[in-house]
């Protein structure tokens, strides 16, 4: 599934969860939506262009500093339009 299909399925599950009657039904829809959201998140990660995914920049042989572009995470998140 591509990101567009995942977004559509995520939207549908959230709509079903808001219209659900029982607690168990609502929780099951929200759990499925959480799985889809994690898939969306993993496909939107991009390695940082400054530190190349390391999370730090080497200043000298003995010193490293945290990359301020990715804040030490090593990846950036692409900005997509709101669901």
N, C-alpha and C. Protein backbone atom coordinates (compact mmCIF):
# COMPACT_ATOMS: atom_id res chain seq x y z
N UNK A 1 0.85 -1.18 0.00
CA UNK A 1 0.00 0.00 0.00
C UNK A 1 0.89 1.24 0.00
N UNK A 2 0.51 2.19 -0.81
CA UNK A 2 1.26 3.44 -0.82
C UNK A 2 0.71 4.40 0.24
N UNK A 3 1.36 5.54 0.39
CA UNK A 3 0.99 6.46 1.46
C UNK A 3 -0.41 7.03 1.27
N UNK A 4 -0.81 7.19 0.02
CA UNK A 4 -2.15 7.74 -0.22
C UNK A 4 -3.24 6.77 0.27
N UNK A 5 -3.07 5.49 -0.04
CA UNK A 5 -4.03 4.49 0.41
C UNK A 5 -4.02 4.36 1.94
N UNK A 6 -2.84 4.46 2.53
CA UNK A 6 -2.74 4.38 3.98
C UNK A 6 -3.47 5.55 4.64
N UNK A 7 -3.32 6.73 4.07
CA UNK A 7 -4.00 7.91 4.62
C UNK A 7 -5.52 7.76 4.54
N UNK A 8 -6.01 7.23 3.41
CA UNK A 8 -7.45 7.04 3.23
C UNK A 8 -7.98 6.03 4.25
N UNK A 9 -7.25 4.92 4.41
CA UNK A 9 -7.67 3.91 5.38
C UNK A 9 -7.63 4.46 6.80
N UNK A 10 -6.63 5.27 7.10
CA UNK A 10 -6.51 5.88 8.43
C UNK A 10 -7.70 6.79 8.71
N UNK A 11 -8.07 7.59 7.71
CA UNK A 11 -9.23 8.48 7.85
C UNK A 11 -10.52 7.69 8.08
N UNK A 12 -10.70 6.62 7.30
CA UNK A 12 -11.91 5.80 7.43
C UNK A 12 -12.01 5.18 8.81
N UNK A 13 -10.89 4.67 9.32
CA UNK A 13 -10.91 4.05 10.64
C UNK A 13 -11.21 5.07 11.74
N UNK A 14 -10.70 6.28 11.60
CA UNK A 14 -11.01 7.31 12.60
C UNK A 14 -12.48 7.70 12.55
N UNK A 15 -13.04 7.75 11.36
CA UNK A 15 -14.47 8.06 11.23
C UNK A 15 -15.32 6.94 11.84
N UNK A 16 -14.94 5.68 11.58
CA UNK A 16 -15.67 4.56 12.15
C UNK A 16 -15.56 4.57 13.68
N UNK A 17 -14.39 4.93 14.19
CA UNK A 17 -14.20 4.97 15.65
C UNK A 17 -15.06 6.06 16.29
N UNK A 18 -15.24 7.17 15.60
CA UNK A 18 -16.06 8.25 16.17
C UNK A 18 -17.55 7.88 16.14
N UNK A 19 -17.95 6.99 15.22
CA UNK A 19 -19.36 6.60 15.11
C UNK A 19 -19.65 5.28 15.82
N UNK A 20 -18.63 4.66 16.40
CA UNK A 20 -18.81 3.36 17.06
C UNK A 20 -19.65 3.51 18.32
N UNK A 21 -20.38 2.45 18.66
CA UNK A 21 -21.29 2.48 19.80
C UNK A 21 -20.61 2.02 21.07
N UNK A 22 -19.95 0.88 21.03
CA UNK A 22 -19.36 0.30 22.24
C UNK A 22 -17.90 0.65 22.42
N UNK A 23 -17.41 0.42 23.64
CA UNK A 23 -16.02 0.71 23.96
C UNK A 23 -15.07 -0.23 23.22
N UNK A 24 -15.39 -1.52 23.17
CA UNK A 24 -14.53 -2.50 22.51
C UNK A 24 -14.40 -2.22 21.01
N UNK A 25 -15.50 -1.85 20.41
CA UNK A 25 -15.49 -1.53 18.99
C UNK A 25 -14.63 -0.31 18.72
N UNK A 26 -14.77 0.71 19.56
CA UNK A 26 -13.98 1.94 19.41
C UNK A 26 -12.50 1.66 19.56
N UNK A 27 -12.16 0.88 20.57
CA UNK A 27 -10.75 0.57 20.83
C UNK A 27 -10.16 -0.24 19.68
N UNK A 28 -10.91 -1.16 19.12
CA UNK A 28 -10.38 -1.95 18.01
C UNK A 28 -10.10 -1.08 16.79
N UNK A 29 -11.00 -0.13 16.49
CA UNK A 29 -10.76 0.79 15.36
C UNK A 29 -9.54 1.67 15.63
N UNK A 30 -9.41 2.16 16.86
CA UNK A 30 -8.29 3.03 17.18
C UNK A 30 -6.96 2.27 17.16
N UNK A 31 -6.96 1.00 17.56
CA UNK A 31 -5.74 0.20 17.48
C UNK A 31 -5.33 -0.04 16.04
N UNK A 32 -6.29 -0.33 15.18
CA UNK A 32 -5.98 -0.50 13.75
C UNK A 32 -5.44 0.80 13.16
N UNK A 33 -6.04 1.93 13.55
CA UNK A 33 -5.57 3.22 13.06
C UNK A 33 -4.15 3.51 13.54
N UNK A 34 -3.84 3.11 14.76
CA UNK A 34 -2.49 3.32 15.30
C UNK A 34 -1.45 2.52 14.50
N UNK A 35 -1.80 1.31 14.08
CA UNK A 35 -0.89 0.52 13.26
C UNK A 35 -0.62 1.19 11.93
N UNK A 36 -1.67 1.73 11.33
CA UNK A 36 -1.51 2.42 10.05
C UNK A 36 -0.68 3.68 10.22
N UNK A 37 -0.90 4.40 11.31
CA UNK A 37 -0.14 5.63 11.54
C UNK A 37 1.34 5.32 11.73
N UNK A 38 1.66 4.21 12.37
CA UNK A 38 3.07 3.85 12.53
C UNK A 38 3.70 3.53 11.17
N UNK A 39 2.93 2.90 10.27
CA UNK A 39 3.44 2.64 8.93
C UNK A 39 3.67 3.94 8.17
N UNK A 40 2.75 4.89 8.32
CA UNK A 40 2.92 6.19 7.68
C UNK A 40 4.16 6.90 8.22
N UNK A 41 4.37 6.81 9.52
CA UNK A 41 5.50 7.49 10.13
C UNK A 41 6.82 6.91 9.65
N UNK A 42 6.91 5.60 9.52
CA UNK A 42 8.17 4.99 9.09
C UNK A 42 8.47 5.30 7.64
N UNK A 43 7.47 5.54 6.82
CA UNK A 43 7.73 5.85 5.41
C UNK A 43 8.03 7.32 5.20
N UNK A 44 7.82 8.16 6.21
CA UNK A 44 8.08 9.58 6.03
C UNK A 44 9.42 10.01 6.61
N UNK A 45 10.19 9.06 7.19
CA UNK A 45 11.49 9.41 7.74
C UNK A 45 12.51 9.54 6.63
N UNK A 46 13.35 10.58 6.72
CA UNK A 46 14.39 10.82 5.74
C UNK A 46 15.68 11.09 6.51
N UNK A 47 16.78 10.51 6.07
CA UNK A 47 18.05 10.78 6.73
C UNK A 47 18.37 12.26 6.68
N UNK A 48 18.96 12.74 7.74
CA UNK A 48 19.33 14.16 7.85
C UNK A 48 20.38 14.49 6.80
N UNK A 49 20.27 15.64 6.17
CA UNK A 49 21.19 16.03 5.12
C UNK A 49 22.52 16.53 5.67
N UNK A 50 22.56 16.92 6.95
CA UNK A 50 23.81 17.43 7.53
C UNK A 50 24.63 16.32 8.18
N UNK A 51 24.00 15.47 8.97
CA UNK A 51 24.75 14.44 9.70
C UNK A 51 24.65 13.06 9.06
N UNK A 52 23.90 12.93 7.99
CA UNK A 52 23.73 11.67 7.25
C UNK A 52 23.18 10.55 8.12
N UNK A 53 22.34 10.89 9.11
CA UNK A 53 21.69 9.89 9.93
C UNK A 53 22.43 9.51 11.20
N UNK A 54 23.57 10.13 11.46
CA UNK A 54 24.34 9.79 12.66
C UNK A 54 23.78 10.47 13.90
N UNK A 55 23.24 11.67 13.77
CA UNK A 55 22.69 12.40 14.91
C UNK A 55 23.67 13.36 15.53
N UNK A 56 24.91 13.32 15.08
CA UNK A 56 25.92 14.23 15.62
C UNK A 56 26.87 14.65 14.51
N UNK A 57 27.53 15.77 14.72
CA UNK A 57 28.53 16.28 13.78
C UNK A 57 29.89 16.21 14.45
N UNK A 58 30.87 15.72 13.76
CA UNK A 58 32.22 15.64 14.32
C UNK A 58 32.91 16.98 14.08
N UNK A 59 33.32 17.64 15.18
CA UNK A 59 34.02 18.91 15.10
C UNK A 59 35.51 18.66 14.95
N UNK A 60 36.06 17.81 15.77
CA UNK A 60 37.45 17.40 15.67
C UNK A 60 37.52 15.91 15.99
N UNK A 61 38.70 15.37 16.15
CA UNK A 61 38.82 13.95 16.45
C UNK A 61 38.29 13.61 17.84
N UNK A 62 38.38 14.54 18.77
CA UNK A 62 37.97 14.29 20.15
C UNK A 62 36.61 14.87 20.50
N UNK A 63 36.01 15.64 19.61
CA UNK A 63 34.79 16.36 19.99
C UNK A 63 33.70 16.18 18.94
N UNK A 64 32.50 15.93 19.42
CA UNK A 64 31.33 15.87 18.55
C UNK A 64 30.24 16.76 19.14
N UNK A 65 29.39 17.27 18.27
CA UNK A 65 28.27 18.10 18.71
C UNK A 65 26.99 17.55 18.13
N UNK A 66 25.89 17.74 18.84
CA UNK A 66 24.59 17.28 18.37
C UNK A 66 24.18 18.06 17.13
N UNK A 67 23.66 17.36 16.15
CA UNK A 67 23.18 18.00 14.93
C UNK A 67 21.92 18.79 15.25
N UNK A 68 21.89 20.06 14.91
CA UNK A 68 20.74 20.89 15.22
C UNK A 68 19.66 20.84 14.14
N UNK A 69 19.96 20.22 13.01
CA UNK A 69 18.93 20.08 11.98
C UNK A 69 17.92 19.00 12.36
N UNK A 70 18.43 17.89 12.90
CA UNK A 70 17.55 16.78 13.28
C UNK A 70 17.44 16.64 14.79
N UNK A 71 18.12 17.49 15.54
CA UNK A 71 18.14 17.48 17.01
C UNK A 71 18.62 16.15 17.57
N UNK A 72 19.61 15.55 16.92
CA UNK A 72 20.22 14.33 17.42
C UNK A 72 19.48 13.05 17.09
N UNK A 73 18.37 13.15 16.36
CA UNK A 73 17.60 11.95 16.04
C UNK A 73 18.18 11.20 14.84
N UNK A 74 18.80 11.92 13.93
CA UNK A 74 19.38 11.29 12.75
C UNK A 74 18.45 11.26 11.56
N UNK A 75 17.19 11.67 11.74
CA UNK A 75 16.28 11.67 10.61
C UNK A 75 15.36 12.89 10.69
N UNK A 76 14.83 13.26 9.57
CA UNK A 76 13.86 14.34 9.46
C UNK A 76 12.54 13.75 9.01
N UNK A 77 11.47 14.43 9.28
CA UNK A 77 10.14 13.96 8.87
C UNK A 77 9.65 14.87 7.75
N UNK A 78 9.25 14.26 6.65
CA UNK A 78 8.68 15.04 5.54
C UNK A 78 7.35 15.61 5.98
N UNK A 79 7.11 16.83 5.59
CA UNK A 79 5.83 17.46 5.92
C UNK A 79 4.82 17.13 4.84
N UNK A 80 3.78 16.43 5.20
CA UNK A 80 2.71 16.11 4.29
C UNK A 80 1.48 16.96 4.66
N UNK A 81 0.56 17.05 3.72
CA UNK A 81 -0.66 17.78 4.01
C UNK A 81 -1.45 17.06 5.10
N UNK A 82 -2.25 17.84 5.83
CA UNK A 82 -3.04 17.26 6.90
C UNK A 82 -3.99 16.22 6.33
N UNK A 83 -4.25 15.17 7.13
CA UNK A 83 -5.16 14.10 6.69
C UNK A 83 -6.53 14.57 6.54
